[in-house]
N, C-alpha and C. Protein backbone atom coordinates (compact mmCIF):
# COMPACT_ATOMS: atom_id res chain seq x y z
N MET A 1 0.84 -1.18 0.00
CA MET A 1 0.00 0.00 0.00
C MET A 1 0.88 1.24 0.00
N PRO A 2 0.64 2.19 -0.88
CA PRO A 2 1.50 3.38 -0.98
C PRO A 2 1.45 4.22 0.28
N ILE A 3 2.62 4.87 0.58
CA ILE A 3 2.71 5.75 1.74
C ILE A 3 2.25 7.12 1.30
N ARG A 4 1.20 7.68 1.93
CA ARG A 4 0.61 8.90 1.47
C ARG A 4 0.85 10.07 2.43
N THR A 5 1.44 9.85 3.59
CA THR A 5 1.65 10.93 4.55
C THR A 5 3.12 11.23 4.66
N ASN A 6 3.43 12.49 5.07
CA ASN A 6 4.82 12.89 5.23
C ASN A 6 5.49 12.14 6.36
N ARG A 7 4.76 11.87 7.44
CA ARG A 7 5.36 11.16 8.56
C ARG A 7 5.73 9.74 8.15
N GLY A 8 4.90 9.16 7.32
CA GLY A 8 5.22 7.80 6.86
C GLY A 8 6.45 7.77 6.00
N ARG A 9 6.57 8.76 5.10
CA ARG A 9 7.77 8.81 4.25
C ARG A 9 9.02 9.05 5.10
N ALA A 10 8.94 9.96 6.09
CA ALA A 10 10.09 10.25 6.94
C ALA A 10 10.55 9.02 7.69
N ALA A 11 9.57 8.22 8.14
CA ALA A 11 9.93 7.00 8.86
C ALA A 11 10.67 6.03 7.96
N VAL A 12 10.20 5.91 6.73
CA VAL A 12 10.87 5.01 5.78
C VAL A 12 12.29 5.49 5.51
N TYR A 13 12.44 6.82 5.31
CA TYR A 13 13.78 7.37 5.01
C TYR A 13 14.73 7.16 6.19
N ARG A 14 14.18 7.29 7.45
CA ARG A 14 15.05 7.08 8.61
C ARG A 14 15.52 5.64 8.69
N ARG A 15 14.63 4.72 8.31
CA ARG A 15 15.04 3.31 8.31
C ARG A 15 16.13 3.04 7.26
N LEU A 16 15.97 3.66 6.10
CA LEU A 16 16.97 3.45 5.05
C LEU A 16 18.32 4.04 5.47
N TRP A 17 18.32 5.24 6.00
CA TRP A 17 19.58 5.90 6.40
C TRP A 17 20.22 5.19 7.60
N GLY A 18 19.40 4.66 8.45
CA GLY A 18 19.94 4.02 9.65
C GLY A 18 20.36 2.59 9.43
N TRP A 19 19.94 2.00 8.29
CA TRP A 19 20.27 0.58 8.06
C TRP A 19 21.77 0.34 8.01
N PRO A 20 22.64 1.19 7.31
CA PRO A 20 24.08 0.90 7.30
C PRO A 20 24.73 0.98 8.66
N LEU A 21 24.09 1.68 9.59
CA LEU A 21 24.71 1.87 10.90
C LEU A 21 24.28 0.84 11.93
N ARG A 22 23.44 -0.10 11.53
CA ARG A 22 22.95 -1.08 12.49
C ARG A 22 24.02 -2.08 12.87
N SER A 23 24.90 -2.38 11.93
CA SER A 23 25.97 -3.35 12.24
C SER A 23 27.14 -3.11 11.29
N PRO A 24 28.34 -3.55 11.66
CA PRO A 24 29.50 -3.41 10.74
C PRO A 24 29.27 -4.09 9.40
N ARG A 25 28.57 -5.20 9.43
CA ARG A 25 28.32 -5.91 8.16
C ARG A 25 27.47 -5.05 7.24
N HIS A 26 26.45 -4.37 7.79
CA HIS A 26 25.63 -3.49 6.96
C HIS A 26 26.46 -2.33 6.40
N LEU A 27 27.38 -1.79 7.21
CA LEU A 27 28.21 -0.67 6.76
C LEU A 27 29.13 -1.09 5.61
N VAL A 28 29.77 -2.26 5.76
CA VAL A 28 30.66 -2.77 4.69
C VAL A 28 29.88 -3.02 3.42
N ALA A 29 28.70 -3.62 3.56
CA ALA A 29 27.89 -3.90 2.37
C ALA A 29 27.48 -2.61 1.67
N THR A 30 27.17 -1.58 2.49
CA THR A 30 26.77 -0.30 1.89
C THR A 30 27.94 0.33 1.11
N ILE A 31 29.16 0.31 1.70
CA ILE A 31 30.33 0.89 1.02
C ILE A 31 30.64 0.15 -0.28
N VAL A 32 30.61 -1.18 -0.23
CA VAL A 32 30.87 -1.98 -1.44
C VAL A 32 29.85 -1.68 -2.51
N GLY A 33 28.59 -1.54 -2.11
CA GLY A 33 27.55 -1.24 -3.08
C GLY A 33 27.75 0.11 -3.73
N LEU A 34 28.17 1.11 -2.92
CA LEU A 34 28.42 2.44 -3.48
C LEU A 34 29.58 2.42 -4.47
N ILE A 35 30.65 1.70 -4.11
CA ILE A 35 31.81 1.62 -5.02
C ILE A 35 31.41 0.95 -6.33
N ALA A 36 30.64 -0.14 -6.24
CA ALA A 36 30.19 -0.83 -7.46
C ALA A 36 29.31 0.07 -8.31
N LEU A 37 28.46 0.86 -7.64
CA LEU A 37 27.58 1.76 -8.38
C LEU A 37 28.38 2.84 -9.11
N VAL A 38 29.37 3.42 -8.43
CA VAL A 38 30.19 4.46 -9.07
C VAL A 38 30.97 3.90 -10.25
N ALA A 39 31.55 2.69 -10.08
CA ALA A 39 32.31 2.07 -11.17
C ALA A 39 31.41 1.78 -12.36
N THR A 40 30.21 1.30 -12.10
CA THR A 40 29.28 1.00 -13.19
C THR A 40 28.91 2.27 -13.95
N VAL A 41 28.63 3.33 -13.21
CA VAL A 41 28.27 4.60 -13.86
C VAL A 41 29.43 5.11 -14.72
N GLY A 42 30.70 4.98 -14.20
CA GLY A 42 31.86 5.44 -14.98
C GLY A 42 32.05 4.66 -16.27
N VAL A 43 31.87 3.33 -16.21
CA VAL A 43 32.03 2.51 -17.41
C VAL A 43 30.97 2.84 -18.44
N VAL A 44 29.75 3.00 -17.98
CA VAL A 44 28.66 3.33 -18.90
C VAL A 44 28.89 4.69 -19.55
N ALA A 45 29.39 5.66 -18.75
CA ALA A 45 29.63 6.99 -19.31
C ALA A 45 30.76 6.96 -20.36
N ASP A 46 31.83 6.19 -20.08
CA ASP A 46 32.91 6.08 -21.06
C ASP A 46 32.43 5.45 -22.35
N ASN A 47 31.62 4.43 -22.26
CA ASN A 47 31.13 3.78 -23.47
C ASN A 47 30.26 4.72 -24.29
N VAL A 48 29.45 5.50 -23.60
CA VAL A 48 28.58 6.44 -24.31
C VAL A 48 29.41 7.51 -25.02
N VAL A 49 30.41 8.09 -24.30
CA VAL A 49 31.25 9.12 -24.91
C VAL A 49 32.08 8.55 -26.06
N GLY A 50 32.61 7.33 -25.88
CA GLY A 50 33.41 6.72 -26.95
C GLY A 50 32.60 6.44 -28.19
N SER A 51 31.38 5.98 -28.03
CA SER A 51 30.54 5.69 -29.19
C SER A 51 30.17 6.97 -29.94
N ARG A 52 29.98 8.08 -29.21
CA ARG A 52 29.68 9.35 -29.87
C ARG A 52 30.89 9.87 -30.64
N SER A 53 32.08 9.71 -30.05
CA SER A 53 33.30 10.19 -30.74
C SER A 53 33.56 9.41 -32.00
N SER A 54 33.37 8.09 -31.95
CA SER A 54 33.63 7.28 -33.14
C SER A 54 32.61 7.55 -34.22
N ALA A 55 31.44 7.99 -33.84
CA ALA A 55 30.42 8.27 -34.85
C ALA A 55 30.58 9.63 -35.48
N THR A 56 31.46 10.51 -34.94
CA THR A 56 31.65 11.85 -35.50
C THR A 56 32.56 11.78 -36.71
N PRO A 57 32.18 12.32 -37.91
CA PRO A 57 33.03 12.24 -39.10
C PRO A 57 34.31 13.04 -38.91
N GLY A 58 35.43 12.57 -39.49
CA GLY A 58 36.68 13.31 -39.52
C GLY A 58 37.52 13.16 -38.27
N THR A 59 37.04 12.39 -37.25
CA THR A 59 37.81 12.28 -36.02
C THR A 59 38.62 11.00 -35.96
N THR A 60 38.38 10.07 -36.88
CA THR A 60 39.12 8.81 -36.87
C THR A 60 40.44 9.01 -37.58
N ALA A 61 41.54 8.73 -36.91
CA ALA A 61 42.88 8.91 -37.49
C ALA A 61 43.16 7.77 -38.44
N SER A 62 43.70 8.11 -39.60
CA SER A 62 44.10 7.10 -40.57
C SER A 62 45.39 6.44 -40.12
N SER A 63 45.70 5.31 -40.75
CA SER A 63 46.91 4.58 -40.37
C SER A 63 48.16 5.38 -40.62
N SER A 64 48.12 6.31 -41.61
CA SER A 64 49.31 7.10 -41.92
C SER A 64 49.54 8.21 -40.91
N ASP A 65 48.46 8.56 -40.10
CA ASP A 65 48.60 9.64 -39.12
C ASP A 65 49.00 9.14 -37.75
N ARG A 66 48.89 7.81 -37.50
CA ARG A 66 49.19 7.31 -36.18
C ARG A 66 50.70 7.19 -35.99
N PRO A 67 51.20 7.45 -34.77
CA PRO A 67 52.63 7.28 -34.51
C PRO A 67 53.05 5.86 -34.78
N GLY A 68 54.19 5.70 -35.40
CA GLY A 68 54.72 4.38 -35.68
C GLY A 68 54.25 3.80 -36.98
N ALA A 69 53.37 4.52 -37.74
CA ALA A 69 52.91 4.00 -39.02
C ALA A 69 54.06 3.98 -39.99
N SER A 70 53.98 3.09 -41.00
CA SER A 70 55.08 2.92 -41.94
C SER A 70 55.11 3.97 -43.02
N SER A 71 54.12 4.85 -43.10
CA SER A 71 54.10 5.88 -44.13
C SER A 71 55.23 6.86 -43.94
N GLY A 72 55.76 7.44 -45.03
CA GLY A 72 56.86 8.40 -44.96
C GLY A 72 56.41 9.84 -44.86
N ASN A 73 55.09 10.08 -44.61
CA ASN A 73 54.59 11.45 -44.57
C ASN A 73 54.39 11.96 -43.16
N GLN A 74 55.05 11.34 -42.17
CA GLN A 74 54.91 11.82 -40.80
C GLN A 74 55.67 13.11 -40.62
N VAL A 75 55.27 13.87 -39.60
CA VAL A 75 55.95 15.13 -39.31
C VAL A 75 57.37 14.84 -38.88
N GLY A 76 58.35 15.53 -39.51
CA GLY A 76 59.75 15.35 -39.14
C GLY A 76 60.42 14.20 -39.84
N VAL A 77 59.71 13.49 -40.75
CA VAL A 77 60.29 12.36 -41.47
C VAL A 77 60.22 12.66 -42.95
N LEU A 78 61.35 12.59 -43.64
CA LEU A 78 61.38 12.85 -45.07
C LEU A 78 60.71 11.71 -45.81
N PRO A 79 59.94 12.01 -46.85
CA PRO A 79 59.33 10.93 -47.63
C PRO A 79 60.39 10.11 -48.32
N SER A 80 60.20 8.80 -48.30
CA SER A 80 61.18 7.91 -48.94
C SER A 80 60.85 7.76 -50.40
N THR A 81 61.87 7.79 -51.24
CA THR A 81 61.71 7.62 -52.68
C THR A 81 62.65 6.53 -53.16
N GLY A 82 62.47 6.14 -54.38
CA GLY A 82 63.31 5.08 -54.94
C GLY A 82 64.74 5.49 -55.13
N THR A 83 64.97 6.75 -55.48
CA THR A 83 66.33 7.23 -55.70
C THR A 83 66.59 8.43 -54.81
N THR A 84 67.83 8.62 -54.44
CA THR A 84 68.23 9.75 -53.59
C THR A 84 68.88 10.81 -54.44
N THR A 85 68.34 12.04 -54.41
CA THR A 85 68.87 13.15 -55.20
C THR A 85 69.64 14.08 -54.29
N PRO A 86 70.92 14.35 -54.54
CA PRO A 86 71.69 15.24 -53.67
C PRO A 86 71.15 16.65 -53.72
N LEU A 87 71.23 17.35 -52.60
CA LEU A 87 70.77 18.73 -52.54
C LEU A 87 71.66 19.62 -53.38
N PRO A 88 71.09 20.60 -54.09
CA PRO A 88 71.92 21.48 -54.92
C PRO A 88 72.79 22.37 -54.07
N THR A 89 73.96 22.68 -54.56
CA THR A 89 74.87 23.59 -53.87
C THR A 89 74.94 24.90 -54.63
N LYS A 90 75.40 25.94 -53.96
CA LYS A 90 75.46 27.26 -54.58
C LYS A 90 76.50 27.31 -55.69
N ALA A 91 77.55 26.55 -55.55
CA ALA A 91 78.61 26.55 -56.55
C ALA A 91 79.16 25.15 -56.68
N PRO A 92 79.61 24.74 -57.86
CA PRO A 92 80.19 23.41 -58.02
C PRO A 92 81.44 23.27 -57.20
N SER A 93 81.65 22.07 -56.67
CA SER A 93 82.84 21.85 -55.85
C SER A 93 84.09 21.91 -56.72
N PRO A 94 85.17 22.49 -56.21
CA PRO A 94 86.39 22.58 -57.01
C PRO A 94 87.00 21.21 -57.22
N THR A 95 87.72 21.08 -58.33
CA THR A 95 88.39 19.83 -58.62
C THR A 95 89.52 19.62 -57.65
N ALA A 96 89.85 18.37 -57.40
CA ALA A 96 90.89 18.06 -56.43
C ALA A 96 92.24 18.59 -56.88
N ALA A 97 92.52 18.57 -58.18
CA ALA A 97 93.81 19.06 -58.68
C ALA A 97 93.60 19.67 -60.06
N ALA A 98 94.41 20.68 -60.39
CA ALA A 98 94.30 21.32 -61.71
C ALA A 98 94.72 20.34 -62.79
N THR A 99 94.11 20.48 -63.97
CA THR A 99 94.41 19.59 -65.08
C THR A 99 95.68 20.05 -65.80
N SER A 100 96.64 19.17 -65.90
CA SER A 100 97.89 19.50 -66.59
C SER A 100 97.62 19.67 -68.08
N ALA A 101 98.38 20.55 -68.69
CA ALA A 101 98.22 20.80 -70.13
C ALA A 101 99.54 21.30 -70.69
N ALA A 102 99.65 21.24 -72.01
CA ALA A 102 100.85 21.76 -72.66
C ALA A 102 100.91 23.27 -72.50
N VAL A 103 102.11 23.81 -72.55
CA VAL A 103 102.29 25.26 -72.37
C VAL A 103 101.65 25.99 -73.55
N SER A 104 100.78 26.93 -73.24
CA SER A 104 100.13 27.72 -74.28
C SER A 104 101.14 28.69 -74.90
N ALA A 105 101.09 28.79 -76.22
CA ALA A 105 101.99 29.72 -76.91
C ALA A 105 101.69 31.16 -76.52
N ASP A 106 100.43 31.48 -76.31
CA ASP A 106 100.06 32.83 -75.88
C ASP A 106 100.61 33.13 -74.49
N ALA A 107 100.54 32.14 -73.57
CA ALA A 107 101.08 32.34 -72.23
C ALA A 107 102.59 32.55 -72.29
N GLN A 108 103.27 31.80 -73.14
CA GLN A 108 104.72 31.97 -73.28
C GLN A 108 105.06 33.36 -73.81
N LEU A 109 104.31 33.83 -74.80
CA LEU A 109 104.54 35.17 -75.36
C LEU A 109 104.33 36.26 -74.31
N VAL A 110 103.26 36.11 -73.51
CA VAL A 110 102.97 37.10 -72.46
C VAL A 110 104.10 37.12 -71.43
N ALA A 111 104.60 35.95 -71.04
CA ALA A 111 105.68 35.90 -70.04
C ALA A 111 106.94 36.58 -70.57
N GLU A 112 107.31 36.29 -71.80
CA GLU A 112 108.52 36.90 -72.37
C GLU A 112 108.36 38.41 -72.54
N SER A 113 107.16 38.84 -73.00
CA SER A 113 106.91 40.27 -73.20
C SER A 113 106.92 41.01 -71.87
N TRP A 114 106.36 40.39 -70.83
CA TRP A 114 106.32 41.03 -69.52
C TRP A 114 107.73 41.21 -68.96
N ILE A 115 108.55 40.19 -69.09
CA ILE A 115 109.92 40.30 -68.56
C ILE A 115 110.71 41.34 -69.34
N ASP A 116 110.53 41.42 -70.66
CA ASP A 116 111.21 42.45 -71.45
C ASP A 116 110.82 43.85 -70.95
N ALA A 117 109.51 44.05 -70.69
CA ALA A 117 109.06 45.35 -70.20
C ALA A 117 109.53 45.60 -68.76
N TRP A 118 109.62 44.54 -68.00
CA TRP A 118 110.07 44.65 -66.60
C TRP A 118 111.54 45.07 -66.53
N LEU A 119 112.33 44.58 -67.47
CA LEU A 119 113.76 44.92 -67.50
C LEU A 119 114.04 46.26 -68.20
N ASP A 120 113.04 46.80 -68.89
CA ASP A 120 113.23 48.03 -69.66
C ASP A 120 113.01 49.25 -68.75
N HIS A 121 114.06 49.75 -68.17
CA HIS A 121 113.96 50.92 -67.28
C HIS A 121 115.27 51.73 -67.38
N PRO A 122 115.35 52.56 -68.38
CA PRO A 122 116.53 53.43 -68.51
C PRO A 122 116.69 54.31 -67.28
N ALA A 123 117.86 54.84 -67.10
CA ALA A 123 118.12 55.71 -65.95
C ALA A 123 117.17 56.89 -65.95
N GLY A 124 116.57 57.15 -64.80
CA GLY A 124 115.66 58.28 -64.65
C GLY A 124 114.23 58.00 -65.06
N VAL A 125 113.89 56.79 -65.51
CA VAL A 125 112.52 56.49 -65.91
C VAL A 125 111.62 56.53 -64.68
N THR A 126 110.44 57.06 -64.87
CA THR A 126 109.48 57.13 -63.75
C THR A 126 108.72 55.82 -63.60
N ASN A 127 108.13 55.65 -62.43
CA ASN A 127 107.34 54.44 -62.18
C ASN A 127 106.13 54.39 -63.11
N ALA A 128 105.51 55.54 -63.38
CA ALA A 128 104.33 55.57 -64.25
C ALA A 128 104.67 55.11 -65.66
N LYS A 129 105.80 55.57 -66.18
CA LYS A 129 106.19 55.15 -67.53
C LYS A 129 106.57 53.68 -67.57
N TRP A 130 107.23 53.23 -66.53
CA TRP A 130 107.60 51.81 -66.45
C TRP A 130 106.35 50.93 -66.39
N LEU A 131 105.35 51.35 -65.61
CA LEU A 131 104.10 50.58 -65.52
C LEU A 131 103.33 50.59 -66.83
N ALA A 132 103.44 51.68 -67.59
CA ALA A 132 102.74 51.75 -68.88
C ALA A 132 103.24 50.66 -69.82
N GLY A 133 104.53 50.34 -69.75
CA GLY A 133 105.05 49.26 -70.58
C GLY A 133 104.62 47.89 -70.10
N LEU A 134 104.37 47.74 -68.78
CA LEU A 134 103.96 46.45 -68.21
C LEU A 134 102.45 46.19 -68.31
N LYS A 135 101.67 47.27 -68.40
CA LYS A 135 100.21 47.15 -68.31
C LYS A 135 99.59 46.19 -69.32
N PRO A 136 100.01 46.16 -70.61
CA PRO A 136 99.34 45.25 -71.55
C PRO A 136 99.49 43.78 -71.18
N TRP A 137 100.48 43.44 -70.34
CA TRP A 137 100.75 42.04 -70.03
C TRP A 137 100.46 41.69 -68.56
N THR A 138 99.92 42.65 -67.81
CA THR A 138 99.73 42.48 -66.37
C THR A 138 98.25 42.49 -66.02
N SER A 139 97.86 41.66 -65.04
CA SER A 139 96.46 41.64 -64.57
C SER A 139 96.16 42.89 -63.76
N ASP A 140 94.88 43.23 -63.68
CA ASP A 140 94.47 44.42 -62.92
C ASP A 140 94.76 44.27 -61.43
N GLU A 141 94.84 43.05 -60.93
CA GLU A 141 95.12 42.84 -59.51
C GLU A 141 96.59 43.06 -59.20
N LEU A 142 97.48 42.79 -60.14
CA LEU A 142 98.91 42.92 -59.87
C LEU A 142 99.41 44.35 -60.06
N LEU A 143 98.79 45.11 -60.94
CA LEU A 143 99.28 46.47 -61.24
C LEU A 143 99.41 47.35 -59.99
N PRO A 144 98.42 47.38 -59.08
CA PRO A 144 98.56 48.26 -57.91
C PRO A 144 99.78 47.94 -57.05
N THR A 145 100.17 46.68 -56.96
CA THR A 145 101.33 46.33 -56.15
C THR A 145 102.63 46.79 -56.79
N LEU A 146 102.64 46.96 -58.11
CA LEU A 146 103.85 47.41 -58.80
C LEU A 146 104.06 48.91 -58.69
N GLN A 147 103.04 49.63 -58.22
CA GLN A 147 103.18 51.08 -58.10
C GLN A 147 104.18 51.47 -57.02
N SER A 148 104.46 50.58 -56.11
CA SER A 148 105.41 50.88 -55.04
C SER A 148 106.84 50.44 -55.38
N VAL A 149 107.05 49.92 -56.58
CA VAL A 149 108.37 49.42 -56.98
C VAL A 149 109.17 50.55 -57.63
N ASP A 150 110.40 50.69 -57.20
CA ASP A 150 111.31 51.66 -57.83
C ASP A 150 112.03 50.97 -58.98
N PRO A 151 111.81 51.40 -60.23
CA PRO A 151 112.46 50.73 -61.36
C PRO A 151 113.97 50.65 -61.24
N ALA A 152 114.58 51.60 -60.52
CA ALA A 152 116.04 51.57 -60.38
C ALA A 152 116.52 50.34 -59.63
N ASN A 153 115.64 49.69 -58.84
CA ASN A 153 116.02 48.49 -58.09
C ASN A 153 115.75 47.20 -58.85
N VAL A 154 115.25 47.31 -60.07
CA VAL A 154 114.95 46.14 -60.88
C VAL A 154 116.17 45.78 -61.72
N PRO A 155 116.55 44.48 -61.79
CA PRO A 155 117.68 44.10 -62.64
C PRO A 155 117.47 44.51 -64.09
N LYS A 156 118.55 44.57 -64.85
CA LYS A 156 118.49 45.05 -66.23
C LYS A 156 118.58 43.93 -67.26
N GLU A 157 118.92 42.74 -66.85
CA GLU A 157 119.03 41.65 -67.82
C GLU A 157 118.82 40.31 -67.14
N ILE A 158 118.50 39.30 -67.97
CA ILE A 158 118.34 37.93 -67.48
C ILE A 158 119.49 37.09 -68.02
N LYS A 159 119.80 36.02 -67.31
CA LYS A 159 120.96 35.19 -67.67
C LYS A 159 120.55 33.92 -68.41
N SER A 160 119.23 33.62 -68.47
CA SER A 160 118.77 32.41 -69.16
C SER A 160 117.41 32.67 -69.77
N PRO A 161 117.05 31.95 -70.80
CA PRO A 161 115.72 32.14 -71.41
C PRO A 161 114.60 31.80 -70.43
N VAL A 162 113.43 32.39 -70.65
CA VAL A 162 112.27 32.10 -69.82
C VAL A 162 111.77 30.69 -70.15
N LYS A 163 111.53 29.89 -69.11
CA LYS A 163 111.05 28.52 -69.33
C LYS A 163 109.91 28.22 -68.36
N ALA A 164 109.01 27.36 -68.80
CA ALA A 164 107.86 26.97 -67.97
C ALA A 164 108.26 25.87 -67.00
N SER A 165 107.82 26.01 -65.76
CA SER A 165 108.08 24.98 -64.75
C SER A 165 106.83 24.18 -64.39
N ARG A 166 105.67 24.71 -64.67
CA ARG A 166 104.40 24.01 -64.41
C ARG A 166 103.34 24.60 -65.31
N SER A 167 102.51 23.74 -65.89
CA SER A 167 101.51 24.22 -66.84
C SER A 167 100.20 23.48 -66.65
N THR A 168 99.10 24.24 -66.56
CA THR A 168 97.75 23.68 -66.51
C THR A 168 96.90 24.41 -67.55
N THR A 169 95.64 24.05 -67.58
CA THR A 169 94.74 24.69 -68.55
C THR A 169 94.45 26.14 -68.20
N ASP A 170 94.65 26.53 -66.91
CA ASP A 170 94.29 27.87 -66.47
C ASP A 170 95.48 28.76 -66.12
N SER A 171 96.65 28.19 -65.90
CA SER A 171 97.80 29.01 -65.52
C SER A 171 99.09 28.28 -65.86
N VAL A 172 100.15 29.09 -66.00
CA VAL A 172 101.47 28.55 -66.30
C VAL A 172 102.48 29.29 -65.43
N ASP A 173 103.36 28.55 -64.77
CA ASP A 173 104.45 29.14 -63.99
C ASP A 173 105.72 29.18 -64.84
N PHE A 174 106.40 30.34 -64.82
CA PHE A 174 107.63 30.50 -65.59
C PHE A 174 108.75 30.89 -64.63
N GLU A 175 109.99 30.57 -65.05
CA GLU A 175 111.17 30.92 -64.28
C GLU A 175 112.22 31.51 -65.22
N ALA A 176 113.00 32.42 -64.67
CA ALA A 176 114.12 33.02 -65.42
C ALA A 176 115.22 33.38 -64.43
N ASP A 177 116.47 33.12 -64.82
CA ASP A 177 117.61 33.47 -63.96
C ASP A 177 118.00 34.92 -64.16
N LEU A 178 118.18 35.63 -63.04
CA LEU A 178 118.59 37.03 -63.07
C LEU A 178 120.02 37.17 -62.56
N GLU A 179 120.49 38.37 -62.57
CA GLU A 179 121.84 38.63 -62.03
C GLU A 179 121.89 38.37 -60.53
N THR A 180 120.76 38.60 -59.87
CA THR A 180 120.74 38.51 -58.41
C THR A 180 119.90 37.34 -57.90
N GLY A 181 119.54 36.39 -58.72
CA GLY A 181 118.73 35.26 -58.28
C GLY A 181 117.81 34.77 -59.37
N LYS A 182 116.61 34.40 -58.97
CA LYS A 182 115.65 33.82 -59.90
C LYS A 182 114.34 34.61 -59.84
N LEU A 183 113.75 34.78 -61.02
CA LEU A 183 112.44 35.43 -61.13
C LEU A 183 111.40 34.34 -61.44
N VAL A 184 110.35 34.29 -60.61
CA VAL A 184 109.27 33.32 -60.79
C VAL A 184 107.97 34.11 -60.99
N LEU A 185 107.29 33.80 -62.07
CA LEU A 185 106.02 34.50 -62.32
C LEU A 185 104.96 33.51 -62.80
N THR A 186 103.70 33.87 -62.51
CA THR A 186 102.55 33.05 -62.89
C THR A 186 101.72 33.80 -63.90
N VAL A 187 101.49 33.16 -65.03
CA VAL A 187 100.63 33.72 -66.08
C VAL A 187 99.29 33.00 -66.01
N ALA A 188 98.22 33.75 -65.77
CA ALA A 188 96.89 33.17 -65.60
C ALA A 188 96.01 33.49 -66.80
N LYS A 189 95.09 32.55 -67.08
CA LYS A 189 94.12 32.75 -68.16
C LYS A 189 92.91 33.48 -67.61
N LEU A 190 92.77 34.74 -67.95
CA LEU A 190 91.68 35.59 -67.46
C LEU A 190 90.69 35.87 -68.59
N PRO A 191 89.53 36.46 -68.28
CA PRO A 191 88.57 36.78 -69.35
C PRO A 191 89.16 37.64 -70.46
N GLU A 192 90.09 38.54 -70.11
CA GLU A 192 90.71 39.39 -71.13
C GLU A 192 91.88 38.73 -71.82
N GLY A 193 92.23 37.50 -71.42
CA GLY A 193 93.34 36.78 -72.04
C GLY A 193 94.39 36.39 -71.02
N TRP A 194 95.53 35.89 -71.49
CA TRP A 194 96.62 35.51 -70.59
C TRP A 194 97.29 36.78 -70.05
N ARG A 195 97.49 36.82 -68.74
CA ARG A 195 98.13 37.96 -68.10
C ARG A 195 99.02 37.47 -66.96
N VAL A 196 100.10 38.22 -66.68
CA VAL A 196 100.93 37.93 -65.52
C VAL A 196 100.15 38.34 -64.28
N HIS A 197 99.90 37.37 -63.42
CA HIS A 197 99.04 37.60 -62.26
C HIS A 197 99.84 37.65 -60.95
N LYS A 198 101.03 37.10 -60.94
CA LYS A 198 101.82 37.06 -59.72
C LYS A 198 103.29 36.89 -60.10
N TYR A 199 104.18 37.52 -59.33
CA TYR A 199 105.60 37.31 -59.56
C TYR A 199 106.36 37.45 -58.25
N SER A 200 107.54 36.84 -58.19
CA SER A 200 108.38 36.95 -57.00
C SER A 200 109.82 36.74 -57.41
N ARG A 201 110.72 37.32 -56.60
CA ARG A 201 112.16 37.16 -56.83
C ARG A 201 112.72 36.26 -55.75
N VAL A 202 113.47 35.26 -56.17
CA VAL A 202 114.06 34.28 -55.24
C VAL A 202 115.56 34.46 -55.25
N GLY A 203 116.15 34.67 -54.07
CA GLY A 203 117.59 34.85 -53.99
C GLY A 203 118.01 36.30 -54.02
């Protein structure tokens, strides 16, 4: 028979609340029941949320997006290809050694002409006039260094013909014996032609 009065309902509620406290066994049973109820509610809630997430379009990760997948399109991993193409460089790498070649006739002519002009310095000749004779056979990089040379300190003759000591496709080294030692000069192939690019006196 249904309880229709407030006093009746209160009595029932007092019995329910007081039941766990009647004995230790009732208290343990009440705690275990509460734990089981909470666990059941949590499992049911997880299943409901998981089923809703799986049903939402676009949320399922493909095999290529999961960590450890074999695809080469993962973040931080370069895609694998059948062949490996080296990265381009700004400039081609230089060759390990210059290519040897026969002495160029033009380089030989420039070396002989330069030495003739180098030795041509009559008494009292100015540096400007001396450089004017050297300019057709000298590179633009070497000319400024010759401006500090006093022609009076330059030897006037050579003791042996000019000969090549090393020859490549881009430059030729020549040597000539002077009164005071040896003259060594390098004739380089430049855009404007063969020019004396470097020289030094040995001895």
